[in-house]
Amino acid sequence: MTTEWKLFADLAERAGDKHITVDATSGDTVGDALEKLLAEAPDLEERVLDDGELRSQINVLRNGTNVLVEEEGLETELEEGDELALFPPVSGG
């Protein structure tokens, strides 16, 4: 199966695209898909990870739900048709 990542703001700029599709297999997790995304777009790594761990200000969504808050984090298992998204911190004034 394939999983599509949507990237926003400077993450899309670093990756060179707003949408990146990665291959996933049965049993893969959001974390597995993130590793595959970073392999496809290595310029994202320094913005998304800090010493190999997800930066606290990065939000990861699966089908519109923040997996870090409402699901099992990066261990959330993927399902056919899932859409993933990476959001950098958002600030306003």
PDB file of N, CA and C in Angstrom:
ATOM      1  N   MET A   1       0.845  -1.182   0.000  1.00  0.00           N
ATOM      2  CA  MET A   1       0.000   0.000   0.000  1.00  0.00           C
ATOM      3  C   MET A   1       0.887   1.240   0.000  1.00  0.00           C
ATOM      4  N   THR A   2       0.331   2.331  -0.411  1.00  0.00           N
ATOM      5  CA  THR A   2       1.069   3.588  -0.384  1.00  0.00           C
ATOM      6  C   THR A   2       0.403   4.532   0.605  1.00  0.00           C
ATOM      7  N   THR A   3       1.199   5.407   1.165  1.00  0.00           N
ATOM      8  CA  THR A   3       0.713   6.397   2.117  1.00  0.00           C
ATOM      9  C   THR A   3       1.206   7.758   1.663  1.00  0.00           C
ATOM     10  N   GLU A   4       0.296   8.718   1.638  1.00  0.00           N
ATOM     11  CA  GLU A   4       0.672  10.060   1.214  1.00  0.00           C
ATOM     12  C   GLU A   4       0.909  10.956   2.419  1.00  0.00           C
ATOM     13  N   TRP A   5       2.029  11.658   2.386  1.00  0.00           N
ATOM     14  CA  TRP A   5       2.344  12.691   3.364  1.00  0.00           C
ATOM     15  C   TRP A   5       1.996  14.040   2.762  1.00  0.00           C
ATOM     16  N   LYS A   6       1.337  14.885   3.534  1.00  0.00           N
ATOM     17  CA  LYS A   6       1.141  16.282   3.170  1.00  0.00           C
ATOM     18  C   LYS A   6       2.074  17.094   4.055  1.00  0.00           C
ATOM     19  N   LEU A   7       2.804  17.993   3.433  1.00  0.00           N
ATOM     20  CA  LEU A   7       3.774  18.815   4.156  1.00  0.00           C
ATOM     21  C   LEU A   7       3.354  20.277   4.059  1.00  0.00           C
ATOM     22  N   PHE A   8       3.555  21.015   5.137  1.00  0.00           N
ATOM     23  CA  PHE A   8       3.095  22.391   5.197  1.00  0.00           C
ATOM     24  C   PHE A   8       4.240  23.341   5.516  1.00  0.00           C
ATOM     25  N   ALA A   9       4.060  24.587   5.062  1.00  0.00           N
ATOM     26  CA  ALA A   9       4.966  25.702   5.340  1.00  0.00           C
ATOM     27  C   ALA A   9       6.401  25.352   4.940  1.00  0.00           C
ATOM     28  N   ASP A  10       7.350  25.629   5.828  1.00  0.00           N
ATOM     29  CA  ASP A  10       8.760  25.425   5.481  1.00  0.00           C
ATOM     30  C   ASP A  10       9.116  23.953   5.287  1.00  0.00           C
ATOM     31  N   LEU A  11       8.297  23.041   5.816  1.00  0.00           N
ATOM     32  CA  LEU A  11       8.575  21.616   5.606  1.00  0.00           C
ATOM     33  C   LEU A  11       8.408  21.263   4.129  1.00  0.00           C
ATOM     34  N   ALA A  12       7.368  21.807   3.491  1.00  0.00           N
ATOM     35  CA  ALA A  12       7.163  21.580   2.055  1.00  0.00           C
ATOM     36  C   ALA A  12       8.305  22.195   1.252  1.00  0.00           C
ATOM     37  N   GLU A  13       8.748  23.372   1.675  1.00  0.00           N
ATOM     38  CA  GLU A  13       9.864  24.027   0.979  1.00  0.00           C
ATOM     39  C   GLU A  13      11.129  23.181   1.061  1.00  0.00           C
ATOM     40  N   ARG A  14      11.432  22.663   2.246  1.00  0.00           N
ATOM     41  CA  ARG A  14      12.637  21.843   2.416  1.00  0.00           C
ATOM     42  C   ARG A  14      12.563  20.556   1.600  1.00  0.00           C
ATOM     43  N   ALA A  15      11.362  19.968   1.551  1.00  0.00           N
ATOM     44  CA  ALA A  15      11.193  18.707   0.827  1.00  0.00           C
ATOM     45  C   ALA A  15      11.120  18.913  -0.684  1.00  0.00           C
ATOM     46  N   GLY A  16      10.788  20.140  -1.099  1.00  0.00           N
ATOM     47  CA  GLY A  16      10.649  20.411  -2.520  1.00  0.00           C
ATOM     48  C   GLY A  16       9.298  20.032  -3.083  1.00  0.00           C
ATOM     49  N   ASP A  17       8.349  19.668  -2.212  1.00  0.00           N
ATOM     50  CA  ASP A  17       7.011  19.280  -2.655  1.00  0.00           C
ATOM     51  C   ASP A  17       6.065  19.318  -1.466  1.00  0.00           C
ATOM     52  N   LYS A  18       4.780  19.543  -1.740  1.00  0.00           N
ATOM     53  CA  LYS A  18       3.770  19.543  -0.675  1.00  0.00           C
ATOM     54  C   LYS A  18       3.219  18.147  -0.409  1.00  0.00           C
ATOM     55  N   HIS A  19       3.447  17.226  -1.342  1.00  0.00           N
ATOM     56  CA  HIS A  19       2.929  15.860  -1.225  1.00  0.00           C
ATOM     57  C   HIS A  19       4.043  14.882  -1.566  1.00  0.00           C
ATOM     58  N   ILE A  20       4.249  13.917  -0.684  1.00  0.00           N
ATOM     59  CA  ILE A  20       5.225  12.857  -0.949  1.00  0.00           C
ATOM     60  C   ILE A  20       4.568  11.527  -0.600  1.00  0.00           C
ATOM     61  N   THR A  21       4.642  10.588  -1.520  1.00  0.00           N
ATOM     62  CA  THR A  21       4.060   9.267  -1.318  1.00  0.00           C
ATOM     63  C   THR A  21       5.170   8.286  -0.960  1.00  0.00           C
ATOM     64  N   VAL A  22       4.914   7.487   0.073  1.00  0.00           N
ATOM     65  CA  VAL A  22       5.872   6.458   0.479  1.00  0.00           C
ATOM     66  C   VAL A  22       5.178   5.102   0.461  1.00  0.00           C
ATOM     67  N   ASP A  23       5.953   4.060   0.257  1.00  0.00           N
ATOM     68  CA  ASP A  23       5.415   2.703   0.305  1.00  0.00           C
ATOM     69  C   ASP A  23       5.304   2.261   1.750  1.00  0.00           C
ATOM     70  N   ALA A  24       4.210   1.611   2.068  1.00  0.00           N
ATOM     71  CA  ALA A  24       4.000   1.070   3.409  1.00  0.00           C
ATOM     72  C   ALA A  24       3.538  -0.375   3.270  1.00  0.00           C
ATOM     73  N   THR A  25       3.825  -1.157   4.280  1.00  0.00           N
ATOM     74  CA  THR A  25       3.382  -2.544   4.286  1.00  0.00           C
ATOM     75  C   THR A  25       2.506  -2.777   5.501  1.00  0.00           C
ATOM     76  N   SER A  26       1.781  -3.858   5.489  1.00  0.00           N
ATOM     77  CA  SER A  26       0.913  -4.202   6.608  1.00  0.00           C
ATOM     78  C   SER A  26       1.723  -4.239   7.894  1.00  0.00           C
ATOM     79  N   GLY A  27       1.223  -3.597   8.922  1.00  0.00           N
ATOM     80  CA  GLY A  27       1.912  -3.564  10.203  1.00  0.00           C
ATOM     81  C   GLY A  27       2.806  -2.355  10.387  1.00  0.00           C
ATOM     82  N   ASP A  28       3.027  -1.573   9.316  1.00  0.00           N
ATOM     83  CA  ASP A  28       3.837  -0.363   9.447  1.00  0.00           C
ATOM     84  C   ASP A  28       3.141   0.645  10.356  1.00  0.00           C
ATOM     85  N   THR A  29       3.949   1.455  11.005  1.00  0.00           N
ATOM     86  CA  THR A  29       3.441   2.485  11.906  1.00  0.00           C
ATOM     87  C   THR A  29       3.682   3.870  11.303  1.00  0.00           C
ATOM     88  N   VAL A  30       3.124   4.876  11.955  1.00  0.00           N
ATOM     89  CA  VAL A  30       3.380   6.253  11.549  1.00  0.00           C
ATOM     90  C   VAL A  30       4.885   6.525  11.603  1.00  0.00           C
ATOM     91  N   GLY A  31       5.559   5.994  12.617  1.00  0.00           N
ATOM     92  CA  GLY A  31       7.006   6.161  12.731  1.00  0.00           C
ATOM     93  C   GLY A  31       7.754   5.543  11.559  1.00  0.00           C
ATOM     94  N   ASP A  32       7.299   4.370  11.104  1.00  0.00           N
ATOM     95  CA  ASP A  32       7.912   3.735   9.931  1.00  0.00           C
ATOM     96  C   ASP A  32       7.736   4.621   8.700  1.00  0.00           C
ATOM     97  N   ALA A  33       6.528   5.161   8.545  1.00  0.00           N
ATOM     98  CA  ALA A  33       6.251   6.037   7.402  1.00  0.00           C
ATOM     99  C   ALA A  33       7.079   7.316   7.488  1.00  0.00           C
ATOM    100  N   LEU A  34       7.307   7.809   8.703  1.00  0.00           N
ATOM    101  CA  LEU A  34       8.136   9.001   8.881  1.00  0.00           C
ATOM    102  C   LEU A  34       9.582   8.708   8.458  1.00  0.00           C
ATOM    103  N   GLU A  35      10.100   7.551   8.838  1.00  0.00           N
ATOM    104  CA  GLU A  35      11.453   7.166   8.421  1.00  0.00           C
ATOM    105  C   GLU A  35      11.557   7.120   6.901  1.00  0.00           C
ATOM    106  N   LYS A  36      10.531   6.580   6.250  1.00  0.00           N
ATOM    107  CA  LYS A  36      10.534   6.497   4.787  1.00  0.00           C
ATOM    108  C   LYS A  36      10.439   7.889   4.163  1.00  0.00           C
ATOM    109  N   LEU A  37       9.653   8.761   4.783  1.00  0.00           N
ATOM    110  CA  LEU A  37       9.566  10.139   4.300  1.00  0.00           C
ATOM    111  C   LEU A  37      10.928  10.818   4.375  1.00  0.00           C
ATOM    112  N   LEU A  38      11.607  10.660   5.499  1.00  0.00           N
ATOM    113  CA  LEU A  38      12.913  11.297   5.674  1.00  0.00           C
ATOM    114  C   LEU A  38      13.958  10.714   4.728  1.00  0.00           C
ATOM    115  N   ALA A  39      13.805   9.446   4.357  1.00  0.00           N
ATOM    116  CA  ALA A  39      14.704   8.847   3.369  1.00  0.00           C
ATOM    117  C   ALA A  39      14.462   9.460   1.987  1.00  0.00           C
ATOM    118  N   GLU A  40      13.190   9.766   1.685  1.00  0.00           N
ATOM    119  CA  GLU A  40      12.835  10.383   0.402  1.00  0.00           C
ATOM    120  C   GLU A  40      13.205  11.861   0.357  1.00  0.00           C
ATOM    121  N   ALA A  41      13.113  12.526   1.506  1.00  0.00           N
ATOM    122  CA  ALA A  41      13.361  13.973   1.585  1.00  0.00           C
ATOM    123  C   ALA A  41      14.304  14.258   2.753  1.00  0.00           C
ATOM    124  N   PRO A  42      15.579  13.928   2.607  1.00  0.00           N
ATOM    125  CA  PRO A  42      16.526  14.036   3.720  1.00  0.00           C
ATOM    126  C   PRO A  42      16.714  15.456   4.266  1.00  0.00           C
ATOM    127  N   ASP A  43      16.385  16.476   3.477  1.00  0.00           N
ATOM    128  CA  ASP A  43      16.515  17.852   3.974  1.00  0.00           C
ATOM    129  C   ASP A  43      15.530  18.159   5.100  1.00  0.00           C
ATOM    130  N   LEU A  44      14.528  17.314   5.276  1.00  0.00           N
ATOM    131  CA  LEU A  44      13.560  17.499   6.364  1.00  0.00           C
ATOM    132  C   LEU A  44      14.122  17.094   7.723  1.00  0.00           C
ATOM    133  N   GLU A  45      15.074  16.184   7.724  1.00  0.00           N
ATOM    134  CA  GLU A  45      15.496  15.550   8.977  1.00  0.00           C
ATOM    135  C   GLU A  45      15.902  16.543  10.056  1.00  0.00           C
ATOM    136  N   GLU A  46      16.735  17.506   9.738  1.00  0.00           N
ATOM    137  CA  GLU A  46      17.207  18.425  10.782  1.00  0.00           C
ATOM    138  C   GLU A  46      16.074  19.300  11.318  1.00  0.00           C
ATOM    139  N   ARG A  47      15.026  19.509  10.522  1.00  0.00           N
ATOM    140  CA  ARG A  47      13.883  20.331  10.954  1.00  0.00           C
ATOM    141  C   ARG A  47      12.879  19.519  11.773  1.00  0.00           C
ATOM    142  N   VAL A  48      12.809  18.212  11.501  1.00  0.00           N
ATOM    143  CA  VAL A  48      11.805  17.345  12.118  1.00  0.00           C
ATOM    144  C   VAL A  48      12.356  16.597  13.333  1.00  0.00           C
ATOM    145  N   LEU A  49      13.623  16.206  13.282  1.00  0.00           N
ATOM    146  CA  LEU A  49      14.214  15.412  14.362  1.00  0.00           C
ATOM    147  C   LEU A  49      15.270  16.205  15.118  1.00  0.00           C
ATOM    148  N   ASP A  50      15.415  15.866  16.392  1.00  0.00           N
ATOM    149  CA  ASP A  50      16.474  16.408  17.239  1.00  0.00           C
ATOM    150  C   ASP A  50      17.129  15.223  17.928  1.00  0.00           C
ATOM    151  N   ASP A  51      18.367  14.933  17.575  1.00  0.00           N
ATOM    152  CA  ASP A  51      19.077  13.754  18.091  1.00  0.00           C
ATOM    153  C   ASP A  51      18.276  12.473  17.884  1.00  0.00           C
ATOM    154  N   GLY A  52      17.657  12.349  16.704  1.00  0.00           N
ATOM    155  CA  GLY A  52      16.922  11.140  16.361  1.00  0.00           C
ATOM    156  C   GLY A  52      15.508  11.068  16.896  1.00  0.00           C
ATOM    157  N   GLU A  53      15.094  12.047  17.687  1.00  0.00           N
ATOM    158  CA  GLU A  53      13.740  12.073  18.251  1.00  0.00           C
ATOM    159  C   GLU A  53      12.932  13.186  17.590  1.00  0.00           C
ATOM    160  N   LEU A  54      11.633  12.959  17.460  1.00  0.00           N
ATOM    161  CA  LEU A  54      10.749  13.965  16.881  1.00  0.00           C
ATOM    162  C   LEU A  54      10.790  15.235  17.722  1.00  0.00           C
ATOM    163  N   ARG A  55      11.009  16.367  17.070  1.00  0.00           N
ATOM    164  CA  ARG A  55      11.012  17.650  17.788  1.00  0.00           C
ATOM    165  C   ARG A  55       9.631  17.889  18.404  1.00  0.00           C
ATOM    166  N   SER A  56       9.616  18.427  19.606  1.00  0.00           N
ATOM    167  CA  SER A  56       8.363  18.590  20.350  1.00  0.00           C
ATOM    168  C   SER A  56       7.374  19.519  19.665  1.00  0.00           C
ATOM    169  N   GLN A  57       7.852  20.458  18.856  1.00  0.00           N
ATOM    170  CA  GLN A  57       6.937  21.404  18.231  1.00  0.00           C
ATOM    171  C   GLN A  57       6.367  20.914  16.896  1.00  0.00           C
ATOM    172  N   ILE A  58       6.789  19.755  16.422  1.00  0.00           N
ATOM    173  CA  ILE A  58       6.279  19.200  15.165  1.00  0.00           C
ATOM    174  C   ILE A  58       5.016  18.393  15.459  1.00  0.00           C
ATOM    175  N   ASN A  59       3.975  18.642  14.680  1.00  0.00           N
ATOM    176  CA  ASN A  59       2.721  17.901  14.818  1.00  0.00           C
ATOM    177  C   ASN A  59       2.608  16.884  13.691  1.00  0.00           C
ATOM    178  N   VAL A  60       2.180  15.674  14.048  1.00  0.00           N
ATOM    179  CA  VAL A  60       1.999  14.597  13.079  1.00  0.00           C
ATOM    180  C   VAL A  60       0.532  14.197  13.110  1.00  0.00           C
ATOM    181  N   LEU A  61      -0.133  14.331  11.964  1.00  0.00           N
ATOM    182  CA  LEU A  61      -1.548  13.997  11.883  1.00  0.00           C
ATOM    183  C   LEU A  61      -1.762  12.780  11.002  1.00  0.00           C
ATOM    184  N   ARG A  62      -2.727  11.973  11.397  1.00  0.00           N
ATOM    185  CA  ARG A  62      -3.182  10.826  10.601  1.00  0.00           C
ATOM    186  C   ARG A  62      -4.668  11.028  10.383  1.00  0.00           C
ATOM    187  N   ASN A  63      -5.053  11.232   9.149  1.00  0.00           N
ATOM    188  CA  ASN A  63      -6.456  11.480   8.809  1.00  0.00           C
ATOM    189  C   ASN A  63      -7.038  12.625   9.631  1.00  0.00           C
ATOM    190  N   GLY A  64      -6.236  13.665   9.837  1.00  0.00           N
ATOM    191  CA  GLY A  64      -6.692  14.861  10.539  1.00  0.00           C
ATOM    192  C   GLY A  64      -6.600  14.811  12.049  1.00  0.00           C
ATOM    193  N   THR A  65      -6.142  13.706  12.606  1.00  0.00           N
ATOM    194  CA  THR A  65      -6.036  13.548  14.053  1.00  0.00           C
ATOM    195  C   THR A  65      -4.572  13.558  14.469  1.00  0.00           C
ATOM    196  N   ASN A  66      -4.248  14.348  15.481  1.00  0.00           N
ATOM    197  CA  ASN A  66      -2.874  14.421  15.973  1.00  0.00           C
ATOM    198  C   ASN A  66      -2.540  13.115  16.689  1.00  0.00           C
ATOM    199  N   VAL A  67      -1.673  12.304  16.092  1.00  0.00           N
ATOM    200  CA  VAL A  67      -1.346  10.995  16.660  1.00  0.00           C
ATOM    201  C   VAL A  67      -0.584  11.114  17.968  1.00  0.00           C
ATOM    202  N   LEU A  68       0.066  12.249  18.183  1.00  0.00           N
ATOM    203  CA  LEU A  68       0.855  12.436  19.402  1.00  0.00           C
ATOM    204  C   LEU A  68      -0.023  12.742  20.600  1.00  0.00           C
ATOM    205  N   VAL A  69      -1.255  13.177  20.344  1.00  0.00           N
ATOM    206  CA  VAL A  69      -2.172  13.552  21.421  1.00  0.00           C
ATOM    207  C   VAL A  69      -3.309  12.545  21.560  1.00  0.00           C
ATOM    208  N   GLU A  70      -3.902  12.148  20.440  1.00  0.00           N
ATOM    209  CA  GLU A  70      -5.140  11.375  20.479  1.00  0.00           C
ATOM    210  C   GLU A  70      -4.989   9.910  20.089  1.00  0.00           C
ATOM    211  N   GLU A  71      -3.794   9.497  19.689  1.00  0.00           N
ATOM    212  CA  GLU A  71      -3.607   8.096  19.310  1.00  0.00           C
ATOM    213  C   GLU A  71      -2.366   7.561  20.010  1.00  0.00           C
ATOM    214  N   GLU A  72      -1.689   6.617  19.414  1.00  0.00           N
ATOM    215  CA  GLU A  72      -0.545   5.961  20.050  1.00  0.00           C
ATOM    216  C   GLU A  72       0.794   6.535  19.602  1.00  0.00           C
ATOM    217  N   GLY A  73       0.805   7.818  19.268  1.00  0.00           N
ATOM    218  CA  GLY A  73       2.046   8.452  18.849  1.00  0.00           C
ATOM    219  C   GLY A  73       2.577   7.839  17.573  1.00  0.00           C
ATOM    220  N   LEU A  74       3.889   7.780  17.465  1.00  0.00           N
ATOM    221  CA  LEU A  74       4.510   7.237  16.262  1.00  0.00           C
ATOM    222  C   LEU A  74       4.315   5.731  16.138  1.00  0.00           C
ATOM    223  N   GLU A  75       3.817   5.096  17.195  1.00  0.00           N
ATOM    224  CA  GLU A  75       3.527   3.659  17.154  1.00  0.00           C
ATOM    225  C   GLU A  75       2.137   3.365  16.592  1.00  0.00           C
ATOM    226  N   THR A  76       1.381   4.400  16.231  1.00  0.00           N
ATOM    227  CA  THR A  76       0.056   4.224  15.642  1.00  0.00           C
ATOM    228  C   THR A  76       0.189   3.441  14.345  1.00  0.00           C
ATOM    229  N   GLU A  77      -0.562   2.349  14.238  1.00  0.00           N
ATOM    230  CA  GLU A  77      -0.476   1.496  13.061  1.00  0.00           C
ATOM    231  C   GLU A  77      -1.243   2.108  11.893  1.00  0.00           C
ATOM    232  N   LEU A  78      -0.648   2.008  10.714  1.00  0.00           N
ATOM    233  CA  LEU A  78      -1.271   2.542   9.509  1.00  0.00           C
ATOM    234  C   LEU A  78      -2.347   1.609   8.986  1.00  0.00           C
ATOM    235  N   GLU A  79      -3.321   2.206   8.301  1.00  0.00           N
ATOM    236  CA  GLU A  79      -4.359   1.449   7.617  1.00  0.00           C
ATOM    237  C   GLU A  79      -4.407   1.909   6.168  1.00  0.00           C
ATOM    238  N   GLU A  80      -4.911   1.056   5.302  1.00  0.00           N
ATOM    239  CA  GLU A  80      -5.037   1.397   3.881  1.00  0.00           C
ATOM    240  C   GLU A  80      -5.786   2.717   3.728  1.00  0.00           C
ATOM    241  N   GLY A  81      -5.238   3.608   2.908  1.00  0.00           N
ATOM    242  CA  GLY A  81      -5.897   4.880   2.628  1.00  0.00           C
ATOM    243  C   GLY A  81      -5.591   5.997   3.604  1.00  0.00           C
ATOM    244  N   ASP A  82      -4.754   5.733   4.616  1.00  0.00           N
ATOM    245  CA  ASP A  82      -4.401   6.790   5.569  1.00  0.00           C
ATOM    246  C   ASP A  82      -3.688   7.934   4.862  1.00  0.00           C
ATOM    247  N   GLU A  83      -3.977   9.135   5.349  1.00  0.00           N
ATOM    248  CA  GLU A  83      -3.285  10.329   4.881  1.00  0.00           C
ATOM    249  C   GLU A  83      -2.562  10.926   6.075  1.00  0.00           C
ATOM    250  N   LEU A  84      -1.272  11.156   5.911  1.00  0.00           N
ATOM    251  CA  LEU A  84      -0.451  11.688   6.994  1.00  0.00           C
ATOM    252  C   LEU A  84      -0.060  13.123   6.684  1.00  0.00           C
ATOM    253  N   ALA A  85       0.161  13.906   7.735  1.00  0.00           N
ATOM    254  CA  ALA A  85       0.558  15.300   7.551  1.00  0.00           C
ATOM    255  C   ALA A  85       1.568  15.696   8.612  1.00  0.00           C
ATOM    256  N   LEU A  86       2.505  16.541   8.210  1.00  0.00           N
ATOM    257  CA  LEU A  86       3.497  17.121   9.122  1.00  0.00           C
ATOM    258  C   LEU A  86       3.296  18.628   9.153  1.00  0.00           C
ATOM    259  N   PHE A  87       3.137  19.162  10.361  1.00  0.00           N
ATOM    260  CA  PHE A  87       2.969  20.598  10.550  1.00  0.00           C
ATOM    261  C   PHE A  87       4.092  21.139  11.416  1.00  0.00           C
ATOM    262  N   PRO A  88       4.711  22.222  10.987  1.00  0.00           N
ATOM    263  CA  PRO A  88       5.668  22.906  11.859  1.00  0.00           C
ATOM    264  C   PRO A  88       4.896  23.717  12.889  1.00  0.00           C
ATOM    265  N   PRO A  89       5.581  24.313  13.848  1.00  0.00           N
ATOM    266  CA  PRO A  89       4.885  25.151  14.818  1.00  0.00           C
ATOM    267  C   PRO A  89       4.187  26.315  14.113  1.00  0.00           C
ATOM    268  N   VAL A  90       3.037  26.672  14.639  1.00  0.00           N
ATOM    269  CA  VAL A  90       2.268  27.773  14.074  1.00  0.00           C
ATOM    270  C   VAL A  90       2.176  28.860  15.122  1.00  0.00           C
ATOM    271  N   SER A  91       2.449  30.081  14.718  1.00  0.00           N
ATOM    272  CA  SER A  91       2.308  31.192  15.658  1.00  0.00           C
ATOM    273  C   SER A  91       1.550  32.312  14.968  1.00  0.00           C
ATOM    274  N   GLY A  92       0.950  33.113  15.764  1.00  0.00           N
ATOM    275  CA  GLY A  92       0.190  34.227  15.211  1.00  0.00           C
ATOM    276  C   GLY A  92       0.320  35.434  16.104  1.00  0.00           C
ATOM    277  N   GLY A  93      -0.269  36.489  15.664  1.00  0.00           N
ATOM    278  CA  GLY A  93      -0.158  37.696  16.461  1.00  0.00           C
ATOM    279  C   GLY A  93      -1.441  38.435  16.554  1.00  0.00           C
TER     280      GLY A  93
END
